[in-house]
Amino acid sequence: MEEEVKQLAELKAYLERRLKELEEEVNYVRTLLSLVDEALSKRSFVPAAALTRGRVRVVDMGKSIMEMTLTARTGEALARMEVFERGFIVRPLVKLSCSTPPFQAFLVNRILEGAKRKDEERVARGEIPEDEAFSYEIIEDEEGYLKEIRVYNYGDRQRLNDLRGAIRWTLNRMYERERG
């Protein structure tokens, strides 16, 4: 019995050391990934995780809940937003370049990447499964114009409303800049 307790204690100590090593490795890999994202964003204006031209992941977002139009301050329709149970898609109704501020700096880097980081932390703490974490895709056409913003696992109604507001504001600012 005493030998078994000793072996279990040694096993526990080993597992704790190993867990610490793995956590340090995960932090190291995340740091490297953010450096690569930063380098890519300086060259392409879009982080690696969001960089897709014409390719779209096939993800089941569930059934459609509602559709709405995102409008400019002037009342002009900027985009259609279709909300599903586990995601939403925003499709611009006007041509907007992905390089027009504040698309990259505000919407992608601050809002979308911020939500993604929060959910990655929740996954790391075991609060939510990885397949329920927030993620997104920015889909551009061949000329660099925004085709779609796809958001997966947006979370609750409040987060959905916050994201909708941030996207509407960003598209409006882009529209104003591009129209002069």
N, C-alpha and C. Protein backbone atom coordinates (compact mmCIF):
# COMPACT_ATOMS: atom_id res chain seq x y z
N MET A 1 0.83 -1.20 0.00
CA MET A 1 0.00 0.00 0.00
C MET A 1 0.87 1.26 0.00
N GLU A 2 1.90 1.27 0.87
CA GLU A 2 2.80 2.41 0.97
C GLU A 2 3.56 2.63 -0.34
N GLU A 3 3.96 1.55 -0.99
CA GLU A 3 4.69 1.63 -2.26
C GLU A 3 3.78 2.21 -3.35
N GLU A 4 2.54 1.81 -3.32
CA GLU A 4 1.57 2.31 -4.30
C GLU A 4 1.35 3.82 -4.12
N VAL A 5 1.24 4.30 -2.91
CA VAL A 5 1.07 5.72 -2.61
C VAL A 5 2.30 6.49 -3.09
N LYS A 6 3.50 5.93 -2.85
CA LYS A 6 4.73 6.57 -3.27
C LYS A 6 4.77 6.69 -4.81
N GLN A 7 4.38 5.61 -5.50
CA GLN A 7 4.36 5.63 -6.96
C GLN A 7 3.35 6.65 -7.49
N LEU A 8 2.18 6.73 -6.84
CA LEU A 8 1.17 7.70 -7.26
C LEU A 8 1.67 9.13 -7.04
N ALA A 9 2.36 9.37 -5.94
CA ALA A 9 2.90 10.71 -5.66
C ALA A 9 3.96 11.08 -6.70
N GLU A 10 4.81 10.12 -7.06
CA GLU A 10 5.82 10.36 -8.10
C GLU A 10 5.17 10.63 -9.45
N LEU A 11 4.14 9.85 -9.74
CA LEU A 11 3.41 10.03 -10.99
C LEU A 11 2.76 11.42 -11.03
N LYS A 12 2.17 11.83 -9.92
CA LYS A 12 1.55 13.15 -9.84
C LYS A 12 2.60 14.25 -10.06
N ALA A 13 3.74 14.13 -9.43
CA ALA A 13 4.81 15.12 -9.58
C ALA A 13 5.26 15.19 -11.04
N TYR A 14 5.42 14.02 -11.67
CA TYR A 14 5.81 13.96 -13.08
C TYR A 14 4.76 14.66 -13.95
N LEU A 15 3.48 14.34 -13.73
CA LEU A 15 2.41 14.93 -14.53
C LEU A 15 2.34 16.44 -14.36
N GLU A 16 2.54 16.92 -13.14
CA GLU A 16 2.54 18.37 -12.90
C GLU A 16 3.70 19.05 -13.63
N ARG A 17 4.90 18.43 -13.60
CA ARG A 17 6.05 18.98 -14.33
C ARG A 17 5.78 18.99 -15.83
N ARG A 18 5.24 17.89 -16.31
CA ARG A 18 4.97 17.76 -17.74
C ARG A 18 3.92 18.79 -18.19
N LEU A 19 2.88 18.97 -17.37
CA LEU A 19 1.85 19.95 -17.68
C LEU A 19 2.44 21.35 -17.75
N LYS A 20 3.31 21.68 -16.84
CA LYS A 20 3.96 23.00 -16.84
C LYS A 20 4.79 23.17 -18.11
N GLU A 21 5.53 22.11 -18.49
CA GLU A 21 6.33 22.18 -19.71
C GLU A 21 5.45 22.40 -20.93
N LEU A 22 4.33 21.68 -20.99
CA LEU A 22 3.43 21.82 -22.14
C LEU A 22 2.79 23.20 -22.18
N GLU A 23 2.42 23.74 -21.01
CA GLU A 23 1.85 25.08 -20.97
C GLU A 23 2.87 26.11 -21.45
N GLU A 24 4.14 25.94 -21.05
CA GLU A 24 5.19 26.85 -21.51
C GLU A 24 5.37 26.74 -23.02
N GLU A 25 5.29 25.51 -23.53
CA GLU A 25 5.43 25.31 -24.98
C GLU A 25 4.27 25.95 -25.73
N VAL A 26 3.05 25.81 -25.20
CA VAL A 26 1.88 26.43 -25.82
C VAL A 26 2.06 27.95 -25.86
N ASN A 27 2.52 28.54 -24.76
CA ASN A 27 2.75 29.99 -24.73
C ASN A 27 3.80 30.40 -25.76
N TYR A 28 4.86 29.60 -25.87
CA TYR A 28 5.92 29.88 -26.84
C TYR A 28 5.36 29.82 -28.27
N VAL A 29 4.58 28.79 -28.57
CA VAL A 29 4.00 28.64 -29.91
C VAL A 29 3.03 29.79 -30.19
N ARG A 30 2.23 30.19 -29.21
CA ARG A 30 1.31 31.33 -29.39
C ARG A 30 2.09 32.61 -29.69
N THR A 31 3.20 32.81 -28.99
CA THR A 31 4.02 33.98 -29.23
C THR A 31 4.56 33.97 -30.66
N LEU A 32 5.08 32.82 -31.08
CA LEU A 32 5.58 32.71 -32.46
C LEU A 32 4.47 32.94 -33.47
N LEU A 33 3.30 32.38 -33.21
CA LEU A 33 2.17 32.55 -34.11
C LEU A 33 1.77 34.02 -34.22
N SER A 34 1.76 34.73 -33.10
CA SER A 34 1.41 36.15 -33.15
C SER A 34 2.47 36.96 -33.91
N LEU A 35 3.74 36.56 -33.79
CA LEU A 35 4.79 37.24 -34.54
C LEU A 35 4.63 37.01 -36.04
N VAL A 36 4.28 35.78 -36.42
CA VAL A 36 4.04 35.47 -37.83
C VAL A 36 2.82 36.24 -38.32
N ASP A 37 1.74 36.27 -37.52
CA ASP A 37 0.55 37.04 -37.89
C ASP A 37 0.90 38.51 -38.09
N GLU A 38 1.69 39.05 -37.18
CA GLU A 38 2.08 40.45 -37.27
C GLU A 38 2.87 40.72 -38.54
N ALA A 39 3.82 39.84 -38.85
CA ALA A 39 4.62 39.99 -40.06
C ALA A 39 3.73 39.88 -41.30
N LEU A 40 2.80 38.93 -41.29
CA LEU A 40 1.89 38.77 -42.42
C LEU A 40 0.97 39.98 -42.57
N SER A 41 0.48 40.47 -41.46
CA SER A 41 -0.44 41.61 -41.55
C SER A 41 0.25 42.85 -42.10
N LYS A 42 1.55 42.99 -41.85
CA LYS A 42 2.29 44.12 -42.41
C LYS A 42 2.43 43.99 -43.91
N ARG A 43 2.44 42.76 -44.38
CA ARG A 43 2.62 42.53 -45.82
C ARG A 43 1.30 42.37 -46.56
N SER A 44 0.27 41.84 -45.88
CA SER A 44 -0.96 41.53 -46.59
C SER A 44 -2.19 42.25 -46.06
N PHE A 45 -2.07 42.94 -44.93
CA PHE A 45 -3.17 43.65 -44.28
C PHE A 45 -4.20 42.72 -43.66
N VAL A 46 -3.98 41.41 -43.71
CA VAL A 46 -4.92 40.47 -43.12
C VAL A 46 -4.13 39.39 -42.39
N PRO A 47 -4.51 39.04 -41.13
CA PRO A 47 -3.79 37.99 -40.43
C PRO A 47 -3.93 36.63 -41.13
N ALA A 48 -2.95 35.79 -40.92
CA ALA A 48 -2.93 34.49 -41.58
C ALA A 48 -4.21 33.71 -41.34
N ALA A 49 -4.74 33.78 -40.13
CA ALA A 49 -5.96 33.03 -39.81
C ALA A 49 -7.16 33.50 -40.62
N ALA A 50 -7.11 34.73 -41.09
CA ALA A 50 -8.25 35.28 -41.80
C ALA A 50 -8.03 35.38 -43.30
N LEU A 51 -6.85 35.04 -43.79
CA LEU A 51 -6.49 35.27 -45.17
C LEU A 51 -7.05 34.17 -46.07
N THR A 52 -8.11 34.49 -46.79
CA THR A 52 -8.67 33.56 -47.76
C THR A 52 -9.14 34.35 -48.96
N ARG A 53 -8.79 33.89 -50.10
CA ARG A 53 -9.24 34.52 -51.35
C ARG A 53 -10.06 33.50 -52.11
N GLY A 54 -11.37 33.64 -52.02
CA GLY A 54 -12.24 32.76 -52.76
C GLY A 54 -12.50 31.42 -52.08
N ARG A 55 -11.63 30.99 -51.17
CA ARG A 55 -11.84 29.73 -50.47
C ARG A 55 -12.65 29.99 -49.21
N VAL A 56 -13.62 29.15 -48.97
CA VAL A 56 -14.44 29.31 -47.78
C VAL A 56 -14.52 27.98 -47.06
N ARG A 57 -14.30 28.02 -45.74
CA ARG A 57 -14.46 26.81 -44.95
C ARG A 57 -15.92 26.39 -44.99
N VAL A 58 -16.15 25.11 -44.95
CA VAL A 58 -17.52 24.62 -44.87
C VAL A 58 -17.79 24.32 -43.40
N VAL A 59 -18.62 25.16 -42.80
CA VAL A 59 -18.94 25.03 -41.39
C VAL A 59 -20.45 25.09 -41.25
N ASP A 60 -21.02 24.16 -40.50
CA ASP A 60 -22.46 24.17 -40.26
C ASP A 60 -22.77 25.21 -39.19
N MET A 61 -23.43 26.28 -39.59
CA MET A 61 -23.78 27.34 -38.64
C MET A 61 -25.18 27.14 -38.06
N GLY A 62 -25.83 26.07 -38.45
CA GLY A 62 -27.19 25.86 -37.96
C GLY A 62 -28.19 26.55 -38.86
N LYS A 63 -29.42 26.65 -38.37
CA LYS A 63 -30.45 27.25 -39.21
C LYS A 63 -30.43 28.77 -39.11
N SER A 64 -30.94 29.39 -40.16
CA SER A 64 -30.98 30.85 -40.23
C SER A 64 -31.99 31.39 -39.21
N ILE A 65 -31.57 32.42 -38.48
CA ILE A 65 -32.43 33.02 -37.45
C ILE A 65 -33.06 34.31 -37.97
N MET A 66 -32.22 35.16 -38.60
CA MET A 66 -32.73 36.44 -39.10
C MET A 66 -31.77 37.02 -40.13
N GLU A 67 -32.29 37.97 -40.89
CA GLU A 67 -31.49 38.74 -41.84
C GLU A 67 -31.75 40.21 -41.58
N MET A 68 -30.71 41.02 -41.78
CA MET A 68 -30.88 42.46 -41.60
C MET A 68 -29.96 43.19 -42.55
N THR A 69 -30.26 44.45 -42.77
CA THR A 69 -29.43 45.31 -43.61
C THR A 69 -28.65 46.26 -42.71
N LEU A 70 -27.35 46.35 -42.95
CA LEU A 70 -26.50 47.31 -42.25
C LEU A 70 -26.44 48.55 -43.13
N THR A 71 -26.78 49.70 -42.55
CA THR A 71 -26.87 50.92 -43.36
C THR A 71 -25.85 51.96 -42.93
N ALA A 72 -25.55 52.84 -43.88
CA ALA A 72 -24.67 53.99 -43.62
C ALA A 72 -25.48 55.05 -42.87
N ARG A 73 -24.80 56.06 -42.35
CA ARG A 73 -25.49 57.17 -41.67
C ARG A 73 -26.45 57.87 -42.62
N THR A 74 -26.11 57.84 -43.91
CA THR A 74 -26.94 58.49 -44.93
C THR A 74 -28.17 57.66 -45.28
N GLY A 75 -28.23 56.42 -44.75
CA GLY A 75 -29.37 55.55 -45.02
C GLY A 75 -29.12 54.54 -46.13
N GLU A 76 -27.99 54.69 -46.84
CA GLU A 76 -27.68 53.75 -47.92
C GLU A 76 -27.34 52.37 -47.36
N ALA A 77 -27.84 51.33 -48.02
CA ALA A 77 -27.57 49.96 -47.60
C ALA A 77 -26.11 49.62 -47.88
N LEU A 78 -25.38 49.20 -46.84
CA LEU A 78 -23.97 48.85 -46.98
C LEU A 78 -23.76 47.35 -47.12
N ALA A 79 -24.54 46.56 -46.36
CA ALA A 79 -24.34 45.12 -46.36
C ALA A 79 -25.58 44.39 -45.86
N ARG A 80 -25.66 43.11 -46.21
CA ARG A 80 -26.69 42.22 -45.67
C ARG A 80 -26.01 41.32 -44.65
N MET A 81 -26.67 41.13 -43.54
CA MET A 81 -26.14 40.26 -42.48
C MET A 81 -27.16 39.16 -42.23
N GLU A 82 -26.71 37.92 -42.40
CA GLU A 82 -27.57 36.77 -42.12
C GLU A 82 -27.05 36.09 -40.87
N VAL A 83 -27.92 35.98 -39.88
CA VAL A 83 -27.54 35.40 -38.59
C VAL A 83 -28.08 33.98 -38.51
N PHE A 84 -27.19 33.08 -38.11
CA PHE A 84 -27.54 31.68 -37.92
C PHE A 84 -27.41 31.34 -36.44
N GLU A 85 -27.74 30.12 -36.08
CA GLU A 85 -27.65 29.70 -34.68
C GLU A 85 -26.22 29.78 -34.15
N ARG A 86 -25.24 29.44 -34.98
CA ARG A 86 -23.85 29.39 -34.52
C ARG A 86 -22.91 30.24 -35.38
N GLY A 87 -23.41 31.30 -35.95
CA GLY A 87 -22.54 32.15 -36.74
C GLY A 87 -23.33 33.17 -37.53
N PHE A 88 -22.61 33.99 -38.28
CA PHE A 88 -23.28 34.93 -39.18
C PHE A 88 -22.36 35.26 -40.34
N ILE A 89 -22.99 35.74 -41.41
CA ILE A 89 -22.27 36.13 -42.62
C ILE A 89 -22.69 37.55 -42.98
N VAL A 90 -21.70 38.41 -43.23
CA VAL A 90 -21.95 39.77 -43.69
C VAL A 90 -21.46 39.85 -45.12
N ARG A 91 -22.36 40.25 -46.03
CA ARG A 91 -22.02 40.39 -47.45
C ARG A 91 -22.24 41.85 -47.86
N PRO A 92 -21.16 42.56 -48.19
CA PRO A 92 -21.29 43.97 -48.59
C PRO A 92 -22.15 44.12 -49.84
N LEU A 93 -22.89 45.20 -49.88
CA LEU A 93 -23.71 45.55 -51.05
C LEU A 93 -23.03 46.65 -51.87
N VAL A 94 -21.92 47.18 -51.34
CA VAL A 94 -21.11 48.19 -52.04
C VAL A 94 -19.67 47.68 -52.07
N LYS A 95 -18.90 48.17 -53.05
CA LYS A 95 -17.49 47.74 -53.14
C LYS A 95 -16.67 48.44 -52.07
N LEU A 96 -16.01 47.64 -51.22
CA LEU A 96 -15.16 48.18 -50.16
C LEU A 96 -13.84 47.41 -50.17
N SER A 97 -12.74 48.14 -50.25
CA SER A 97 -11.42 47.52 -50.26
C SER A 97 -11.02 47.11 -48.85
N CYS A 98 -10.46 45.92 -48.71
CA CYS A 98 -9.99 45.44 -47.40
C CYS A 98 -8.81 46.26 -46.89
N SER A 99 -8.20 47.06 -47.74
CA SER A 99 -7.08 47.89 -47.30
C SER A 99 -7.52 49.26 -46.79
N THR A 100 -8.82 49.55 -46.89
CA THR A 100 -9.33 50.85 -46.44
C THR A 100 -9.47 50.86 -44.91
N PRO A 101 -8.85 51.85 -44.26
CA PRO A 101 -9.01 51.97 -42.81
C PRO A 101 -10.47 52.29 -42.47
N PRO A 102 -10.95 51.87 -41.34
CA PRO A 102 -10.29 51.18 -40.23
C PRO A 102 -10.50 49.68 -40.23
N PHE A 103 -10.65 49.08 -41.42
CA PHE A 103 -10.96 47.66 -41.51
C PHE A 103 -9.96 46.79 -40.76
N GLN A 104 -8.68 46.90 -41.14
CA GLN A 104 -7.65 46.04 -40.54
C GLN A 104 -7.37 46.41 -39.08
N ALA A 105 -7.06 47.67 -38.85
CA ALA A 105 -6.63 48.09 -37.51
C ALA A 105 -7.73 47.94 -36.47
N PHE A 106 -8.94 48.33 -36.82
CA PHE A 106 -10.02 48.29 -35.83
C PHE A 106 -10.78 46.97 -35.87
N LEU A 107 -11.43 46.68 -37.00
CA LEU A 107 -12.33 45.52 -37.03
C LEU A 107 -11.57 44.20 -36.89
N VAL A 108 -10.55 44.00 -37.71
CA VAL A 108 -9.85 42.71 -37.68
C VAL A 108 -8.96 42.60 -36.44
N ASN A 109 -8.00 43.53 -36.30
CA ASN A 109 -7.01 43.40 -35.22
C ASN A 109 -7.61 43.58 -33.83
N ARG A 110 -8.48 44.54 -33.67
CA ARG A 110 -8.98 44.85 -32.33
C ARG A 110 -10.23 44.04 -31.97
N ILE A 111 -11.24 44.08 -32.83
CA ILE A 111 -12.53 43.46 -32.49
C ILE A 111 -12.52 41.95 -32.71
N LEU A 112 -12.26 41.51 -33.94
CA LEU A 112 -12.33 40.08 -34.24
C LEU A 112 -11.21 39.29 -33.56
N GLU A 113 -9.98 39.78 -33.66
CA GLU A 113 -8.87 39.08 -33.01
C GLU A 113 -9.03 39.12 -31.48
N GLY A 114 -9.57 40.22 -30.96
CA GLY A 114 -9.81 40.32 -29.52
C GLY A 114 -10.80 39.27 -29.04
N ALA A 115 -11.89 39.11 -29.77
CA ALA A 115 -12.90 38.09 -29.41
C ALA A 115 -12.30 36.69 -29.53
N LYS A 116 -11.49 36.50 -30.55
CA LYS A 116 -10.85 35.19 -30.75
C LYS A 116 -9.90 34.87 -29.59
N ARG A 117 -9.09 35.85 -29.19
CA ARG A 117 -8.16 35.65 -28.06
C ARG A 117 -8.90 35.32 -26.77
N LYS A 118 -10.00 36.04 -26.50
CA LYS A 118 -10.79 35.78 -25.29
C LYS A 118 -11.29 34.34 -25.26
N ASP A 119 -11.79 33.86 -26.40
CA ASP A 119 -12.29 32.49 -26.44
C ASP A 119 -11.16 31.47 -26.38
N GLU A 120 -9.99 31.79 -26.96
CA GLU A 120 -8.84 30.89 -26.85
C GLU A 120 -8.44 30.74 -25.38
N GLU A 121 -8.51 31.84 -24.63
CA GLU A 121 -8.20 31.78 -23.19
C GLU A 121 -9.24 30.94 -22.46
N ARG A 122 -10.50 31.08 -22.85
CA ARG A 122 -11.56 30.28 -22.22
C ARG A 122 -11.37 28.79 -22.52
N VAL A 123 -10.93 28.47 -23.73
CA VAL A 123 -10.65 27.08 -24.09
C VAL A 123 -9.49 26.56 -23.24
N ALA A 124 -8.43 27.36 -23.10
CA ALA A 124 -7.27 26.97 -22.32
C ALA A 124 -7.62 26.71 -20.86
N ARG A 125 -8.59 27.47 -20.35
CA ARG A 125 -9.03 27.27 -18.96
C ARG A 125 -10.06 26.15 -18.83
N GLY A 126 -10.47 25.59 -19.95
CA GLY A 126 -11.44 24.49 -19.92
C GLY A 126 -12.88 24.95 -19.76
N GLU A 127 -13.15 26.24 -19.99
CA GLU A 127 -14.51 26.76 -19.83
C GLU A 127 -15.41 26.41 -21.01
N ILE A 128 -14.82 26.33 -22.21
CA ILE A 128 -15.60 25.94 -23.40
C ILE A 128 -14.76 24.98 -24.24
N PRO A 129 -15.42 24.10 -24.99
CA PRO A 129 -14.67 23.22 -25.90
C PRO A 129 -14.12 24.02 -27.08
N GLU A 130 -13.04 23.53 -27.66
CA GLU A 130 -12.38 24.22 -28.76
C GLU A 130 -13.31 24.47 -29.95
N ASP A 131 -14.20 23.52 -30.24
CA ASP A 131 -15.09 23.67 -31.39
C ASP A 131 -16.22 24.68 -31.15
N GLU A 132 -16.29 25.26 -29.94
CA GLU A 132 -17.28 26.29 -29.65
C GLU A 132 -16.63 27.67 -29.51
N ALA A 133 -15.35 27.76 -29.80
CA ALA A 133 -14.62 29.03 -29.67
C ALA A 133 -14.88 29.92 -30.89
N PHE A 134 -14.88 31.20 -30.65
CA PHE A 134 -15.06 32.22 -31.68
C PHE A 134 -13.97 32.10 -32.74
N SER A 135 -14.36 32.19 -33.99
CA SER A 135 -13.40 32.28 -35.08
C SER A 135 -14.06 33.06 -36.22
N TYR A 136 -13.26 33.41 -37.20
CA TYR A 136 -13.79 34.21 -38.30
C TYR A 136 -12.97 34.01 -39.56
N GLU A 137 -13.54 34.45 -40.66
CA GLU A 137 -12.84 34.46 -41.95
C GLU A 137 -13.19 35.77 -42.65
N ILE A 138 -12.21 36.35 -43.29
CA ILE A 138 -12.41 37.51 -44.15
C ILE A 138 -12.19 37.00 -45.57
N ILE A 139 -13.21 37.11 -46.40
CA ILE A 139 -13.10 36.62 -47.77
C ILE A 139 -13.07 37.81 -48.71
N GLU A 140 -11.99 37.87 -49.49
CA GLU A 140 -11.79 38.94 -50.46
C GLU A 140 -11.92 38.38 -51.86
N ASP A 141 -12.23 39.26 -52.81
CA ASP A 141 -12.17 38.83 -54.21
C ASP A 141 -10.73 39.00 -54.70
N GLU A 142 -10.50 38.70 -55.96
CA GLU A 142 -9.14 38.74 -56.52
C GLU A 142 -8.54 40.14 -56.49
N GLU A 143 -9.37 41.17 -56.46
CA GLU A 143 -8.90 42.55 -56.49
C GLU A 143 -8.74 43.15 -55.09
N GLY A 144 -8.99 42.36 -54.05
CA GLY A 144 -8.83 42.85 -52.69
C GLY A 144 -10.07 43.52 -52.10
N TYR A 145 -11.21 43.34 -52.78
CA TYR A 145 -12.46 43.89 -52.24
C TYR A 145 -13.12 42.86 -51.32
N LEU A 146 -13.77 43.36 -50.30
CA LEU A 146 -14.43 42.51 -49.32
C LEU A 146 -15.63 41.80 -49.94
N LYS A 147 -15.62 40.47 -49.85
CA LYS A 147 -16.75 39.66 -50.33
C LYS A 147 -17.65 39.25 -49.17
N GLU A 148 -17.02 38.77 -48.09
CA GLU A 148 -17.79 38.30 -46.93
C GLU A 148 -16.96 38.40 -45.67
N ILE A 149 -17.67 38.57 -44.58
CA ILE A 149 -17.11 38.38 -43.25
C ILE A 149 -17.92 37.23 -42.67
N ARG A 150 -17.23 36.16 -42.31
CA ARG A 150 -17.90 35.00 -41.72
C ARG A 150 -17.44 34.86 -40.28
N VAL A 151 -18.39 34.83 -39.37
CA VAL A 151 -18.07 34.68 -37.95
C VAL A 151 -18.73 33.41 -37.46
N TYR A 152 -17.93 32.59 -36.77
CA TYR A 152 -18.41 31.32 -36.24
C TYR A 152 -18.40 31.39 -34.71
N ASN A 153 -19.43 30.85 -34.10
CA ASN A 153 -19.54 30.79 -32.63
C ASN A 153 -19.44 32.17 -32.00
N TYR A 154 -20.34 33.06 -32.42
CA TYR A 154 -20.31 34.43 -31.89
C TYR A 154 -20.66 34.51 -30.41
N GLY A 155 -21.31 33.48 -29.88
CA GLY A 155 -21.62 33.49 -28.45
C GLY A 155 -23.03 33.92 -28.18
N ASP A 156 -23.20 34.83 -27.22
CA ASP A 156 -24.54 35.25 -26.81
C ASP A 156 -25.05 36.45 -27.61
N ARG A 157 -26.28 36.83 -27.31
CA ARG A 157 -26.96 37.91 -28.01
C ARG A 157 -26.21 39.25 -27.86
N GLN A 158 -25.67 39.50 -26.67
CA GLN A 158 -24.94 40.74 -26.43
C GLN A 158 -23.70 40.84 -27.33
N ARG A 159 -22.95 39.73 -27.42
CA ARG A 159 -21.76 39.73 -28.28
C ARG A 159 -22.15 39.91 -29.74
N LEU A 160 -23.24 39.27 -30.14
CA LEU A 160 -23.74 39.42 -31.51
C LEU A 160 -24.04 40.89 -31.79
N ASN A 161 -24.75 41.55 -30.88
CA ASN A 161 -25.09 42.97 -31.07
C ASN A 161 -23.84 43.85 -31.10
N ASP A 162 -22.87 43.55 -30.23
CA ASP A 162 -21.61 44.30 -30.22
C ASP A 162 -20.87 44.14 -31.55
N LEU A 163 -20.81 42.91 -32.04
CA LEU A 163 -20.12 42.64 -33.31
C LEU A 163 -20.84 43.32 -34.47
N ARG A 164 -22.16 43.23 -34.48
CA ARG A 164 -22.95 43.88 -35.54
C ARG A 164 -22.68 45.38 -35.55
N GLY A 165 -22.66 45.99 -34.37
CA GLY A 165 -22.41 47.43 -34.28
C GLY A 165 -21.01 47.80 -34.75
N ALA A 166 -20.02 47.01 -34.36
CA ALA A 166 -18.64 47.28 -34.77
C ALA A 166 -18.47 47.11 -36.28
N ILE A 167 -19.11 46.10 -36.84
CA ILE A 167 -19.02 45.87 -38.29
C ILE A 167 -19.73 47.00 -39.04
N ARG A 168 -20.92 47.37 -38.59
CA ARG A 168 -21.65 48.47 -39.25
C ARG A 168 -20.85 49.77 -39.20
N TRP A 169 -20.28 50.09 -38.04
CA TRP A 169 -19.49 51.31 -37.90
C TRP A 169 -18.28 51.28 -38.84
N THR A 170 -17.59 50.13 -38.87
CA THR A 170 -16.41 49.99 -39.72
C THR A 170 -16.76 50.14 -41.19
N LEU A 171 -17.79 49.43 -41.64
CA LEU A 171 -18.19 49.52 -43.05
C LEU A 171 -18.61 50.95 -43.40
N ASN A 172 -19.29 51.62 -42.48
CA ASN A 172 -19.69 53.01 -42.72
C ASN A 172 -18.47 53.91 -42.88
N ARG A 173 -17.48 53.76 -41.99
CA ARG A 173 -16.26 54.57 -42.08
C ARG A 173 -15.51 54.28 -43.39
N MET A 174 -15.43 53.00 -43.76
CA MET A 174 -14.78 52.63 -45.02
C MET A 174 -15.51 53.28 -46.20
N TYR A 175 -16.82 53.19 -46.17
CA TYR A 175 -17.66 53.75 -47.25
C TYR A 175 -17.42 55.25 -47.36
N GLU A 176 -17.41 55.95 -46.21
CA GLU A 176 -17.17 57.39 -46.23
C GLU A 176 -15.80 57.73 -46.79
N ARG A 177 -14.79 56.97 -46.41
CA ARG A 177 -13.41 57.22 -46.90
C ARG A 177 -13.30 56.98 -48.41
N GLU A 178 -13.91 55.88 -48.86
CA GLU A 178 -13.81 55.53 -50.28
C GLU A 178 -14.63 56.46 -51.17
N ARG A 179 -15.69 57.03 -50.62
CA ARG A 179 -16.55 57.91 -51.41
C ARG A 179 -16.07 59.36 -51.33
N GLY A 180 -15.06 59.60 -50.47
CA GLY A 180 -14.42 60.91 -50.40
C GLY A 180 -15.13 61.84 -49.51
